[in-house]
Amino acid sequence: MASISGTGSSIPPTFVLQGIPGLEEYHPWFSLTVCTGYVIIIAGNSIILLVVVSEAALHRPMYYFLCMLSAIDLAATTSTLPKMLSIFWFQAGEIQFNTCLAQMFFIHALCMMESAVLLAMAVDRYVAICFPLRYNSFFTGSLAAKMEVAAVVRATLLMWPCPFLIKRLTFCRTNVIHHTYCEHMAVVRLACGDTRINSVYGLSAALVVIGGDLLGIGLSYFFIVRAVLRLSSKEARLKAFGTCGSHLCVITILYIPALFSFLTHRFGHNVAPHVHILLANLYLLVPPMLNPIVYGVRTKEIREQVIPVLLPNKAMVKPRTL
């Protein structure tokens, strides 16, 4: 464990990411899972982006949100997984102080953006099901763009103070971060002085995002369920619920690991450290990997366009008639 006492500076020039504490001997095996997941994330989300951008029929608000979701997933994993793999493969855990803060900012800001996009998608489904005749006139591409910009602005404003709050701290014991990436509280715990401001601000920002967005999503689906149950036809009810299926799967995939990671990291003091880290890694790896699979399998419009976009020559070949 590296000590930084006696360096004459309250800020270490570098941190060292330990990886998964207590499970270092299994790092090569973890790297296989992370590497495979990263390849799936790049391929799946790139296909979603390519299909939606290439097909004019998919230039609608719901698919714009899906594109942003894929872009966020690509950015979030690219900011963490390559460094994680270098730790697992080469024990190259050293990271510059400012680089660590930048990684921390992008990880948390991108996760906040993803939560906001899921809220926007819930509102989209609410308008589409509860006010179908007004949907096209109300939910335009312009409105979708404004909601996406709002998601970026909110995440940036909420995360912007965190690096500056960390720079005001004094680090005098060790520069070893017991994590695979620069998570906010993992960095704060290395400080010697009073870290209450950092802890309270981090908790408040997380509650604003998770609590506010989940409340909005819950209200949207409350009104959706109420509207659908009023439909007289069983087929109409099933069709209406079917249009929400992919979105509900993605919400479940994102928020369950996020809540487990958040709660255990802050309140699960009796939980083993490697469990904290594994949950945090699942939160970064599983949702970006499954999101494109869920939408690709469950969304007919995307499923039908994948082959024509990826293999245009084969799509043009028509069966011969006798």
C-alpha atoms as a PDB file:
ATOM      1  CA  MET A   1       0.000   0.000   0.000  1.00  0.00           C
ATOM      2  CA  ALA A   2       1.586   3.249  -1.120  1.00  0.00           C
ATOM      3  CA  SER A   3       1.870   6.096   1.382  1.00  0.00           C
ATOM      4  CA  ILE A   4       1.837   9.751   0.383  1.00  0.00           C
ATOM      5  CA  SER A   5       2.751  11.220   3.750  1.00  0.00           C
ATOM      6  CA  GLY A   6       5.730  13.475   3.716  1.00  0.00           C
ATOM      7  CA  THR A   7       5.390  14.431   0.051  1.00  0.00           C
ATOM      8  CA  GLY A   8       4.769  18.069   0.971  1.00  0.00           C
ATOM      9  CA  SER A   9       1.533  18.173  -1.004  1.00  0.00           C
ATOM     10  CA  SER A  10      -2.060  17.583   0.049  1.00  0.00           C
ATOM     11  CA  ILE A  11      -2.875  16.207  -3.407  1.00  0.00           C
ATOM     12  CA  PRO A  12      -1.103  13.064  -4.686  1.00  0.00           C
ATOM     13  CA  PRO A  13       0.203  13.232  -8.273  1.00  0.00           C
ATOM     14  CA  THR A  14      -1.291   9.817  -8.978  1.00  0.00           C
ATOM     15  CA  PHE A  15      -3.713   7.280  -7.570  1.00  0.00           C
ATOM     16  CA  VAL A  16      -3.415   3.507  -7.860  1.00  0.00           C
ATOM     17  CA  LEU A  17      -6.534   1.530  -8.697  1.00  0.00           C
ATOM     18  CA  GLN A  18      -6.305  -1.776  -6.838  1.00  0.00           C
ATOM     19  CA  GLY A  19      -8.939  -3.674  -8.803  1.00  0.00           C
ATOM     20  CA  ILE A  20     -11.124  -6.060  -6.804  1.00  0.00           C
ATOM     21  CA  PRO A  21      -9.609  -6.253  -3.301  1.00  0.00           C
ATOM     22  CA  GLY A  22      -9.092  -9.778  -2.033  1.00  0.00           C
ATOM     23  CA  LEU A  23      -9.729 -11.330  -5.451  1.00  0.00           C
ATOM     24  CA  GLU A  24      -6.541 -10.258  -7.266  1.00  0.00           C
ATOM     25  CA  GLU A  25      -5.701 -13.842  -8.217  1.00  0.00           C
ATOM     26  CA  TYR A  26      -8.969 -14.039 -10.163  1.00  0.00           C
ATOM     27  CA  HIS A  27      -8.342 -10.847 -12.159  1.00  0.00           C
ATOM     28  CA  PRO A  28      -7.444 -12.758 -15.373  1.00  0.00           C
ATOM     29  CA  TRP A  29     -10.781 -14.576 -15.193  1.00  0.00           C
ATOM     30  CA  PHE A  30     -12.684 -11.343 -14.562  1.00  0.00           C
ATOM     31  CA  SER A  31     -10.919  -9.847 -17.574  1.00  0.00           C
ATOM     32  CA  LEU A  32     -12.472 -12.471 -19.857  1.00  0.00           C
ATOM     33  CA  THR A  33     -15.962 -11.435 -18.742  1.00  0.00           C
ATOM     34  CA  VAL A  34     -15.192  -7.719 -19.023  1.00  0.00           C
ATOM     35  CA  CYS A  35     -13.540  -8.059 -22.441  1.00  0.00           C
ATOM     36  CA  THR A  36     -16.391 -10.169 -23.837  1.00  0.00           C
ATOM     37  CA  GLY A  37     -18.942  -7.753 -22.419  1.00  0.00           C
ATOM     38  CA  TYR A  38     -17.104  -4.757 -23.886  1.00  0.00           C
ATOM     39  CA  VAL A  39     -17.093  -6.317 -27.365  1.00  0.00           C
ATOM     40  CA  ILE A  40     -20.837  -7.002 -27.078  1.00  0.00           C
ATOM     41  CA  ILE A  41     -21.440  -3.429 -25.859  1.00  0.00           C
ATOM     42  CA  ILE A  42     -19.534  -1.877 -28.778  1.00  0.00           C
ATOM     43  CA  ALA A  43     -21.144  -4.154 -31.379  1.00  0.00           C
ATOM     44  CA  GLY A  44     -24.710  -3.991 -30.032  1.00  0.00           C
ATOM     45  CA  ASN A  45     -24.886  -0.258 -29.403  1.00  0.00           C
ATOM     46  CA  SER A  46     -23.104   0.575 -32.663  1.00  0.00           C
ATOM     47  CA  ILE A  47     -25.664  -1.509 -34.559  1.00  0.00           C
ATOM     48  CA  ILE A  48     -28.527   0.320 -32.827  1.00  0.00           C
ATOM     49  CA  LEU A  49     -27.011   3.699 -33.751  1.00  0.00           C
ATOM     50  CA  LEU A  50     -26.354   2.615 -37.342  1.00  0.00           C
ATOM     51  CA  VAL A  51     -29.859   1.211 -37.840  1.00  0.00           C
ATOM     52  CA  VAL A  52     -31.671   4.225 -36.389  1.00  0.00           C
ATOM     53  CA  VAL A  53     -29.509   6.777 -38.227  1.00  0.00           C
ATOM     54  CA  SER A  54     -29.754   4.915 -41.556  1.00  0.00           C
ATOM     55  CA  GLU A  55     -33.503   4.299 -41.601  1.00  0.00           C
ATOM     56  CA  ALA A  56     -35.752   7.317 -42.104  1.00  0.00           C
ATOM     57  CA  ALA A  57     -38.724   5.318 -40.793  1.00  0.00           C
ATOM     58  CA  LEU A  58     -37.046   5.250 -37.363  1.00  0.00           C
ATOM     59  CA  HIS A  59     -36.480   9.001 -37.162  1.00  0.00           C
ATOM     60  CA  ARG A  60     -38.955   9.403 -34.339  1.00  0.00           C
ATOM     61  CA  PRO A  61     -38.580  10.640 -30.732  1.00  0.00           C
ATOM     62  CA  MET A  62     -38.560   7.163 -29.144  1.00  0.00           C
ATOM     63  CA  TYR A  63     -35.681   6.075 -31.370  1.00  0.00           C
ATOM     64  CA  TYR A  64     -33.820   9.355 -30.836  1.00  0.00           C
ATOM     65  CA  PHE A  65     -33.881   8.554 -27.120  1.00  0.00           C
ATOM     66  CA  LEU A  66     -32.689   5.026 -27.889  1.00  0.00           C
ATOM     67  CA  CYS A  67     -29.777   6.477 -29.884  1.00  0.00           C
ATOM     68  CA  MET A  68     -28.800   8.687 -26.970  1.00  0.00           C
ATOM     69  CA  LEU A  69     -29.023   5.698 -24.622  1.00  0.00           C
ATOM     70  CA  SER A  70     -26.620   3.764 -26.862  1.00  0.00           C
ATOM     71  CA  ALA A  71     -24.243   6.724 -27.153  1.00  0.00           C
ATOM     72  CA  ILE A  72     -24.209   7.140 -23.358  1.00  0.00           C
ATOM     73  CA  ASP A  73     -23.537   3.424 -22.853  1.00  0.00           C
ATOM     74  CA  LEU A  74     -20.628   3.527 -25.305  1.00  0.00           C
ATOM     75  CA  ALA A  75     -19.143   6.615 -23.645  1.00  0.00           C
ATOM     76  CA  ALA A  76     -19.555   5.320 -20.069  1.00  0.00           C
ATOM     77  CA  THR A  77     -17.970   1.936 -20.756  1.00  0.00           C
ATOM     78  CA  THR A  78     -15.151   3.419 -22.852  1.00  0.00           C
ATOM     79  CA  SER A  79     -14.257   5.721 -19.955  1.00  0.00           C
ATOM     80  CA  THR A  80     -13.872   2.764 -17.565  1.00  0.00           C
ATOM     81  CA  LEU A  81     -13.490  -0.682 -19.144  1.00  0.00           C
ATOM     82  CA  PRO A  82     -10.164  -0.185 -21.008  1.00  0.00           C
ATOM     83  CA  LYS A  83      -8.492   0.959 -17.778  1.00  0.00           C
ATOM     84  CA  MET A  84     -10.189  -1.890 -15.908  1.00  0.00           C
ATOM     85  CA  LEU A  85      -8.757  -4.381 -18.401  1.00  0.00           C
ATOM     86  CA  SER A  86      -5.274  -2.882 -18.033  1.00  0.00           C
ATOM     87  CA  ILE A  87      -5.552  -3.508 -14.271  1.00  0.00           C
ATOM     88  CA  PHE A  88      -6.702  -7.099 -14.765  1.00  0.00           C
ATOM     89  CA  TRP A  89      -4.146  -7.916 -17.496  1.00  0.00           C
ATOM     90  CA  PHE A  90      -1.049  -5.872 -16.651  1.00  0.00           C
ATOM     91  CA  GLN A  91      -1.605  -4.677 -13.049  1.00  0.00           C
ATOM     92  CA  ALA A  92      -1.382  -1.167 -14.522  1.00  0.00           C
ATOM     93  CA  GLY A  93      -3.519   0.562 -11.910  1.00  0.00           C
ATOM     94  CA  GLU A  94      -1.705   3.906 -11.769  1.00  0.00           C
ATOM     95  CA  ILE A  95      -3.801   6.867 -12.900  1.00  0.00           C
ATOM     96  CA  GLN A  96      -3.059  10.594 -12.828  1.00  0.00           C
ATOM     97  CA  PHE A  97      -4.951  12.621 -10.223  1.00  0.00           C
ATOM     98  CA  ASN A  98      -6.731  14.864 -12.753  1.00  0.00           C
ATOM     99  CA  THR A  99      -7.406  11.896 -15.040  1.00  0.00           C
ATOM    100  CA  CYS A 100      -9.023  10.127 -12.107  1.00  0.00           C
ATOM    101  CA  LEU A 101     -11.249  13.136 -11.424  1.00  0.00           C
ATOM    102  CA  ALA A 102     -12.182  13.346 -15.104  1.00  0.00           C
ATOM    103  CA  GLN A 103     -13.074   9.643 -15.154  1.00  0.00           C
ATOM    104  CA  MET A 104     -15.165  10.106 -12.008  1.00  0.00           C
ATOM    105  CA  PHE A 105     -16.992  13.075 -13.537  1.00  0.00           C
ATOM    106  CA  PHE A 106     -17.843  11.282 -16.778  1.00  0.00           C
ATOM    107  CA  ILE A 107     -18.912   8.030 -15.096  1.00  0.00           C
ATOM    108  CA  HIS A 108     -21.413   9.681 -12.772  1.00  0.00           C
ATOM    109  CA  ALA A 109     -22.562  12.369 -15.228  1.00  0.00           C
ATOM    110  CA  LEU A 110     -23.234   9.775 -17.954  1.00  0.00           C
ATOM    111  CA  CYS A 111     -25.179   7.585 -15.503  1.00  0.00           C
ATOM    112  CA  MET A 112     -27.293  10.621 -14.592  1.00  0.00           C
ATOM    113  CA  MET A 113     -27.908  11.298 -18.282  1.00  0.00           C
ATOM    114  CA  GLU A 114     -28.996   7.695 -18.804  1.00  0.00           C
ATOM    115  CA  SER A 115     -31.492   7.975 -15.962  1.00  0.00           C
ATOM    116  CA  ALA A 116     -32.900  11.171 -17.492  1.00  0.00           C
ATOM    117  CA  VAL A 117     -33.252   9.499 -20.901  1.00  0.00           C
ATOM    118  CA  LEU A 118     -35.214   6.632 -19.332  1.00  0.00           C
ATOM    119  CA  LEU A 119     -37.517   9.213 -17.740  1.00  0.00           C
ATOM    120  CA  ALA A 120     -37.985  10.908 -21.130  1.00  0.00           C
ATOM    121  CA  MET A 121     -38.810   7.529 -22.703  1.00  0.00           C
ATOM    122  CA  ALA A 122     -41.411   6.909 -19.978  1.00  0.00           C
ATOM    123  CA  VAL A 123     -43.019  10.281 -20.731  1.00  0.00           C
ATOM    124  CA  ASP A 124     -42.954   9.396 -24.441  1.00  0.00           C
ATOM    125  CA  ARG A 125     -44.862   6.156 -23.749  1.00  0.00           C
ATOM    126  CA  TYR A 126     -47.299   8.021 -21.484  1.00  0.00           C
ATOM    127  CA  VAL A 127     -48.192  10.526 -24.221  1.00  0.00           C
ATOM    128  CA  ALA A 128     -48.342   7.819 -26.914  1.00  0.00           C
ATOM    129  CA  ILE A 129     -50.759   5.639 -24.940  1.00  0.00           C
ATOM    130  CA  CYS A 130     -52.812   8.176 -23.001  1.00  0.00           C
ATOM    131  CA  PHE A 131     -53.065  10.824 -25.762  1.00  0.00           C
ATOM    132  CA  PRO A 132     -52.501   8.946 -29.047  1.00  0.00           C
ATOM    133  CA  LEU A 133     -54.252  11.544 -31.219  1.00  0.00           C
ATOM    134  CA  ARG A 134     -52.033  14.334 -29.892  1.00  0.00           C
ATOM    135  CA  TYR A 135     -48.783  12.373 -29.884  1.00  0.00           C
ATOM    136  CA  ASN A 136     -47.434  13.391 -33.310  1.00  0.00           C
ATOM    137  CA  SER A 137     -48.217  17.067 -32.792  1.00  0.00           C
ATOM    138  CA  PHE A 138     -46.908  17.174 -29.213  1.00  0.00           C
ATOM    139  CA  PHE A 139     -43.914  14.816 -29.127  1.00  0.00           C
ATOM    140  CA  THR A 140     -41.847  16.187 -31.986  1.00  0.00           C
ATOM    141  CA  GLY A 141     -38.178  15.712 -32.783  1.00  0.00           C
ATOM    142  CA  SER A 142     -37.567  19.243 -31.510  1.00  0.00           C
ATOM    143  CA  LEU A 143     -39.043  18.397 -28.106  1.00  0.00           C
ATOM    144  CA  ALA A 144     -36.985  15.208 -27.940  1.00  0.00           C
ATOM    145  CA  ALA A 145     -33.817  17.213 -28.682  1.00  0.00           C
ATOM    146  CA  LYS A 146     -34.647  19.708 -25.926  1.00  0.00           C
ATOM    147  CA  MET A 147     -35.186  16.875 -23.441  1.00  0.00           C
ATOM    148  CA  GLU A 148     -31.840  15.357 -24.397  1.00  0.00           C
ATOM    149  CA  VAL A 149     -30.080  18.705 -23.949  1.00  0.00           C
ATOM    150  CA  ALA A 150     -31.786  19.105 -20.560  1.00  0.00           C
ATOM    151  CA  ALA A 151     -30.470  15.669 -19.543  1.00  0.00           C
ATOM    152  CA  VAL A 152     -26.905  16.697 -20.439  1.00  0.00           C
ATOM    153  CA  VAL A 153     -27.181  20.077 -18.690  1.00  0.00           C
ATOM    154  CA  ARG A 154     -28.649  18.594 -15.495  1.00  0.00           C
ATOM    155  CA  ALA A 155     -25.950  15.924 -15.229  1.00  0.00           C
ATOM    156  CA  THR A 156     -23.158  18.417 -15.933  1.00  0.00           C
ATOM    157  CA  LEU A 157     -24.397  20.928 -13.359  1.00  0.00           C
ATOM    158  CA  LEU A 158     -24.897  18.286 -10.668  1.00  0.00           C
ATOM    159  CA  MET A 159     -21.482  16.659 -11.182  1.00  0.00           C
ATOM    160  CA  TRP A 160     -19.427  19.784 -11.859  1.00  0.00           C
ATOM    161  CA  PRO A 161     -18.823  20.652  -8.145  1.00  0.00           C
ATOM    162  CA  CYS A 162     -17.567  17.152  -7.233  1.00  0.00           C
ATOM    163  CA  PRO A 163     -14.008  17.404  -8.665  1.00  0.00           C
ATOM    164  CA  PHE A 164     -13.564  20.817  -7.031  1.00  0.00           C
ATOM    165  CA  LEU A 165     -14.856  19.522  -3.693  1.00  0.00           C
ATOM    166  CA  ILE A 166     -12.314  16.694  -3.871  1.00  0.00           C
ATOM    167  CA  LYS A 167      -9.450  19.079  -4.717  1.00  0.00           C
ATOM    168  CA  ARG A 168     -10.049  20.923  -1.461  1.00  0.00           C
ATOM    169  CA  LEU A 169      -9.410  17.741   0.555  1.00  0.00           C
ATOM    170  CA  THR A 170      -6.125  16.658   2.112  1.00  0.00           C
ATOM    171  CA  PHE A 171      -4.701  13.246   1.200  1.00  0.00           C
ATOM    172  CA  CYS A 172      -2.029  12.173   3.655  1.00  0.00           C
ATOM    173  CA  ARG A 173      -2.273   8.389   4.107  1.00  0.00           C
ATOM    174  CA  THR A 174      -2.432   6.346   0.924  1.00  0.00           C
ATOM    175  CA  ASN A 175      -3.122   6.849  -2.759  1.00  0.00           C
ATOM    176  CA  VAL A 176      -4.488   3.315  -3.317  1.00  0.00           C
ATOM    177  CA  ILE A 177      -8.140   3.299  -4.381  1.00  0.00           C
ATOM    178  CA  HIS A 178      -9.821   0.016  -3.514  1.00  0.00           C
ATOM    179  CA  HIS A 179     -11.825  -0.055  -6.709  1.00  0.00           C
ATOM    180  CA  THR A 180     -11.568  -0.738 -10.432  1.00  0.00           C
ATOM    181  CA  TYR A 181     -12.379   2.862 -11.379  1.00  0.00           C
ATOM    182  CA  CYS A 182     -12.495   6.309  -9.769  1.00  0.00           C
ATOM    183  CA  GLU A 183     -15.854   6.167  -8.034  1.00  0.00           C
ATOM    184  CA  HIS A 184     -16.691   9.314  -6.057  1.00  0.00           C
ATOM    185  CA  MET A 185     -16.935   7.885  -2.541  1.00  0.00           C
ATOM    186  CA  ALA A 186     -13.985   5.534  -3.087  1.00  0.00           C
ATOM    187  CA  VAL A 187     -11.802   8.601  -3.725  1.00  0.00           C
ATOM    188  CA  VAL A 188     -13.332  10.642  -0.887  1.00  0.00           C
ATOM    189  CA  ARG A 189     -12.585   7.884   1.631  1.00  0.00           C
ATOM    190  CA  LEU A 190      -8.850   8.346   1.056  1.00  0.00           C
ATOM    191  CA  ALA A 191      -8.952  11.892   2.460  1.00  0.00           C
ATOM    192  CA  CYS A 192      -7.769  12.697   5.983  1.00  0.00           C
ATOM    193  CA  GLY A 193      -9.885  15.709   6.898  1.00  0.00           C
ATOM    194  CA  ASP A 194     -13.592  16.384   7.171  1.00  0.00           C
ATOM    195  CA  THR A 195     -15.391  14.878   4.170  1.00  0.00           C
ATOM    196  CA  ARG A 196     -18.970  15.533   5.279  1.00  0.00           C
ATOM    197  CA  ILE A 197     -19.585  18.122   2.554  1.00  0.00           C
ATOM    198  CA  ASN A 198     -18.488  15.647  -0.137  1.00  0.00           C
ATOM    199  CA  SER A 199     -20.591  12.845   1.331  1.00  0.00           C
ATOM    200  CA  VAL A 200     -23.701  14.978   1.772  1.00  0.00           C
ATOM    201  CA  TYR A 201     -23.407  16.510  -1.694  1.00  0.00           C
ATOM    202  CA  GLY A 202     -22.844  13.138  -3.367  1.00  0.00           C
ATOM    203  CA  LEU A 203     -25.798  11.601  -1.525  1.00  0.00           C
ATOM    204  CA  SER A 204     -28.036  14.590  -2.318  1.00  0.00           C
ATOM    205  CA  ALA A 205     -27.170  14.536  -6.022  1.00  0.00           C
ATOM    206  CA  ALA A 206     -27.831  10.795  -6.219  1.00  0.00           C
ATOM    207  CA  LEU A 207     -31.170  11.127  -4.433  1.00  0.00           C
ATOM    208  CA  VAL A 208     -32.238  13.992  -6.704  1.00  0.00           C
ATOM    209  CA  VAL A 209     -31.491  11.909  -9.786  1.00  0.00           C
ATOM    210  CA  ILE A 210     -32.576   8.426  -8.695  1.00  0.00           C
ATOM    211  CA  GLY A 211     -35.480   9.587  -6.529  1.00  0.00           C
ATOM    212  CA  GLY A 212     -36.759  12.237  -8.941  1.00  0.00           C
ATOM    213  CA  ASP A 213     -36.452  10.118 -12.068  1.00  0.00           C
ATOM    214  CA  LEU A 214     -37.962   7.013 -10.483  1.00  0.00           C
ATOM    215  CA  LEU A 215     -40.847   9.114  -9.210  1.00  0.00           C
ATOM    216  CA  GLY A 216     -41.447  10.505 -12.702  1.00  0.00           C
ATOM    217  CA  ILE A 217     -41.214   7.045 -14.268  1.00  0.00           C
ATOM    218  CA  GLY A 218     -43.556   5.617 -11.635  1.00  0.00           C
ATOM    219  CA  LEU A 219     -46.157   8.335 -12.204  1.00  0.00           C
ATOM    220  CA  SER A 220     -45.958   7.861 -15.981  1.00  0.00           C
ATOM    221  CA  TYR A 221     -46.612   4.149 -15.696  1.00  0.00           C
ATOM    222  CA  PHE A 222     -49.351   4.650 -13.138  1.00  0.00           C
ATOM    223  CA  PHE A 223     -51.294   6.731 -15.684  1.00  0.00           C
ATOM    224  CA  ILE A 224     -50.346   4.301 -18.478  1.00  0.00           C
ATOM    225  CA  VAL A 225     -51.704   1.291 -16.540  1.00  0.00           C
ATOM    226  CA  ARG A 226     -54.853   3.186 -15.600  1.00  0.00           C
ATOM    227  CA  ALA A 227     -55.465   4.156 -19.249  1.00  0.00           C
ATOM    228  CA  VAL A 228     -54.750   0.665 -20.587  1.00  0.00           C
ATOM    229  CA  LEU A 229     -57.045  -1.061 -18.083  1.00  0.00           C
ATOM    230  CA  ARG A 230     -59.894   1.126 -19.309  1.00  0.00           C
ATOM    231  CA  LEU A 231     -59.594  -0.324 -22.827  1.00  0.00           C
ATOM    232  CA  SER A 232     -62.431  -2.695 -23.616  1.00  0.00           C
ATOM    233  CA  SER A 233     -60.477  -5.038 -25.900  1.00  0.00           C
ATOM    234  CA  LYS A 234     -58.026  -7.550 -24.435  1.00  0.00           C
ATOM    235  CA  GLU A 235     -55.948  -7.424 -27.616  1.00  0.00           C
ATOM    236  CA  ALA A 236     -55.717  -3.641 -27.376  1.00  0.00           C
ATOM    237  CA  ARG A 237     -54.554  -3.902 -23.766  1.00  0.00           C
ATOM    238  CA  LEU A 238     -51.891  -6.460 -24.644  1.00  0.00           C
ATOM    239  CA  LYS A 239     -50.696  -4.352 -27.584  1.00  0.00           C
ATOM    240  CA  ALA A 240     -50.468  -1.237 -25.405  1.00  0.00           C
ATOM    241  CA  PHE A 241     -48.516  -3.041 -22.698  1.00  0.00           C
ATOM    242  CA  GLY A 242     -46.323  -4.614 -25.393  1.00  0.00           C
ATOM    243  CA  THR A 243     -45.119  -1.200 -26.553  1.00  0.00           C
ATOM    244  CA  CYS A 244     -43.779  -0.591 -23.020  1.00  0.00           C
ATOM    245  CA  GLY A 245     -42.120  -3.983 -22.614  1.00  0.00           C
ATOM    246  CA  SER A 246     -38.641  -3.047 -23.862  1.00  0.00           C
ATOM    247  CA  HIS A 247     -38.560   0.144 -21.831  1.00  0.00           C
ATOM    248  CA  LEU A 248     -39.611  -1.643 -18.625  1.00  0.00           C
ATOM    249  CA  CYS A 249     -36.903  -4.280 -19.174  1.00  0.00           C
ATOM    250  CA  VAL A 250     -34.242  -1.580 -19.592  1.00  0.00           C
ATOM    251  CA  ILE A 251     -35.455   0.266 -16.463  1.00  0.00           C
ATOM    252  CA  THR A 252     -35.191  -2.959 -14.455  1.00  0.00           C
ATOM    253  CA  ILE A 253     -31.739  -3.750 -15.862  1.00  0.00           C
ATOM    254  CA  LEU A 254     -30.412  -0.270 -14.990  1.00  0.00           C
ATOM    255  CA  TYR A 255     -31.974   0.586 -11.644  1.00  0.00           C
ATOM    256  CA  ILE A 256     -31.686  -2.727  -9.788  1.00  0.00           C
ATOM    257  CA  PRO A 257     -27.840  -2.917 -10.015  1.00  0.00           C
ATOM    258  CA  ALA A 258     -27.637   0.866  -9.475  1.00  0.00           C
ATOM    259  CA  LEU A 259     -29.695   0.765  -6.289  1.00  0.00           C
ATOM    260  CA  PHE A 260     -27.835  -2.270  -4.931  1.00  0.00           C
ATOM    261  CA  SER A 261     -24.476  -0.629  -5.643  1.00  0.00           C
ATOM    262  CA  PHE A 262     -25.555   2.716  -4.177  1.00  0.00           C
ATOM    263  CA  LEU A 263     -27.097   1.277  -1.000  1.00  0.00           C
ATOM    264  CA  THR A 264     -24.347  -1.234  -0.224  1.00  0.00           C
ATOM    265  CA  HIS A 265     -21.574   1.292  -0.908  1.00  0.00           C
ATOM    266  CA  ARG A 266     -23.026   3.826   1.534  1.00  0.00           C
ATOM    267  CA  PHE A 267     -24.935   1.798   4.111  1.00  0.00           C
ATOM    268  CA  GLY A 268     -23.691  -1.785   3.783  1.00  0.00           C
ATOM    269  CA  HIS A 269     -20.749  -1.437   6.155  1.00  0.00           C
ATOM    270  CA  ASN A 270     -20.827  -5.154   6.943  1.00  0.00           C
ATOM    271  CA  VAL A 271     -20.690  -6.148   3.274  1.00  0.00           C
ATOM    272  CA  ALA A 272     -17.297  -7.419   2.089  1.00  0.00           C
ATOM    273  CA  PRO A 273     -15.338  -4.871  -0.035  1.00  0.00           C
ATOM    274  CA  HIS A 274     -15.143  -7.165  -3.050  1.00  0.00           C
ATOM    275  CA  VAL A 275     -18.956  -7.407  -3.072  1.00  0.00           C
ATOM    276  CA  HIS A 276     -19.169  -3.594  -3.318  1.00  0.00           C
ATOM    277  CA  ILE A 277     -16.780  -3.593  -6.264  1.00  0.00           C
ATOM    278  CA  LEU A 278     -18.440  -6.485  -8.068  1.00  0.00           C
ATOM    279  CA  LEU A 279     -21.846  -4.782  -7.791  1.00  0.00           C
ATOM    280  CA  ALA A 280     -20.386  -1.515  -9.075  1.00  0.00           C
ATOM    281  CA  ASN A 281     -18.824  -3.342 -12.034  1.00  0.00           C
ATOM    282  CA  LEU A 282     -22.086  -5.117 -12.829  1.00  0.00           C
ATOM    283  CA  TYR A 283     -23.806  -1.723 -12.844  1.00  0.00           C
ATOM    284  CA  LEU A 284     -21.394  -0.481 -15.521  1.00  0.00           C
ATOM    285  CA  LEU A 285     -21.250  -3.695 -17.549  1.00  0.00           C
ATOM    286  CA  VAL A 286     -24.675  -5.345 -17.576  1.00  0.00           C
ATOM    287  CA  PRO A 287     -27.083  -2.518 -18.617  1.00  0.00           C
ATOM    288  CA  PRO A 288     -24.995  -1.324 -21.633  1.00  0.00           C
ATOM    289  CA  MET A 289     -24.598  -4.941 -22.744  1.00  0.00           C
ATOM    290  CA  LEU A 290     -28.280  -5.906 -22.463  1.00  0.00           C
ATOM    291  CA  ASN A 291     -29.953  -2.660 -23.597  1.00  0.00           C
ATOM    292  CA  PRO A 292     -29.349  -3.173 -27.355  1.00  0.00           C
ATOM    293  CA  ILE A 293     -30.210  -6.864 -27.059  1.00  0.00           C
ATOM    294  CA  VAL A 294     -33.524  -6.067 -25.351  1.00  0.00           C
ATOM    295  CA  TYR A 295     -34.490  -3.422 -27.911  1.00  0.00           C
ATOM    296  CA  GLY A 296     -33.213  -5.490 -30.824  1.00  0.00           C
ATOM    297  CA  VAL A 297     -35.257  -8.543 -29.807  1.00  0.00           C
ATOM    298  CA  ARG A 298     -38.418  -6.858 -28.527  1.00  0.00           C
ATOM    299  CA  THR A 299     -38.773  -3.961 -30.979  1.00  0.00           C
ATOM    300  CA  LYS A 300     -40.141  -5.131 -34.314  1.00  0.00           C
ATOM    301  CA  GLU A 301     -39.119  -2.002 -36.248  1.00  0.00           C
ATOM    302  CA  ILE A 302     -35.459  -2.379 -35.237  1.00  0.00           C
ATOM    303  CA  ARG A 303     -35.439  -6.144 -35.674  1.00  0.00           C
ATOM    304  CA  GLU A 304     -36.728  -5.833 -39.239  1.00  0.00           C
ATOM    305  CA  GLN A 305     -34.122  -3.208 -40.186  1.00  0.00           C
ATOM    306  CA  VAL A 306     -30.964  -4.863 -38.842  1.00  0.00           C
ATOM    307  CA  ILE A 307     -30.352  -7.223 -41.784  1.00  0.00           C
ATOM    308  CA  PRO A 308     -31.116  -4.638 -44.533  1.00  0.00           C
ATOM    309  CA  VAL A 309     -28.741  -2.133 -42.929  1.00  0.00           C
ATOM    310  CA  LEU A 310     -25.898  -4.562 -42.156  1.00  0.00           C
ATOM    311  CA  LEU A 311     -26.256  -6.665 -45.317  1.00  0.00           C
ATOM    312  CA  PRO A 312     -27.788  -4.349 -47.969  1.00  0.00           C
ATOM    313  CA  ASN A 313     -26.847  -6.580 -50.912  1.00  0.00           C
ATOM    314  CA  LYS A 314     -28.595  -9.616 -49.457  1.00  0.00           C
ATOM    315  CA  ALA A 315     -31.612  -7.530 -48.537  1.00  0.00           C
ATOM    316  CA  MET A 316     -31.961  -6.485 -52.184  1.00  0.00           C
ATOM    317  CA  VAL A 317     -32.077 -10.067 -53.436  1.00  0.00           C
ATOM    318  CA  LYS A 318     -35.681 -11.090 -53.959  1.00  0.00           C
ATOM    319  CA  PRO A 319     -36.874 -14.695 -54.109  1.00  0.00           C
ATOM    320  CA  ARG A 320     -37.426 -15.999 -57.623  1.00  0.00           C
ATOM    321  CA  THR A 321     -40.995 -16.748 -58.611  1.00  0.00           C
ATOM    322  CA  LEU A 322     -41.952 -19.803 -60.607  1.00  0.00           C
END
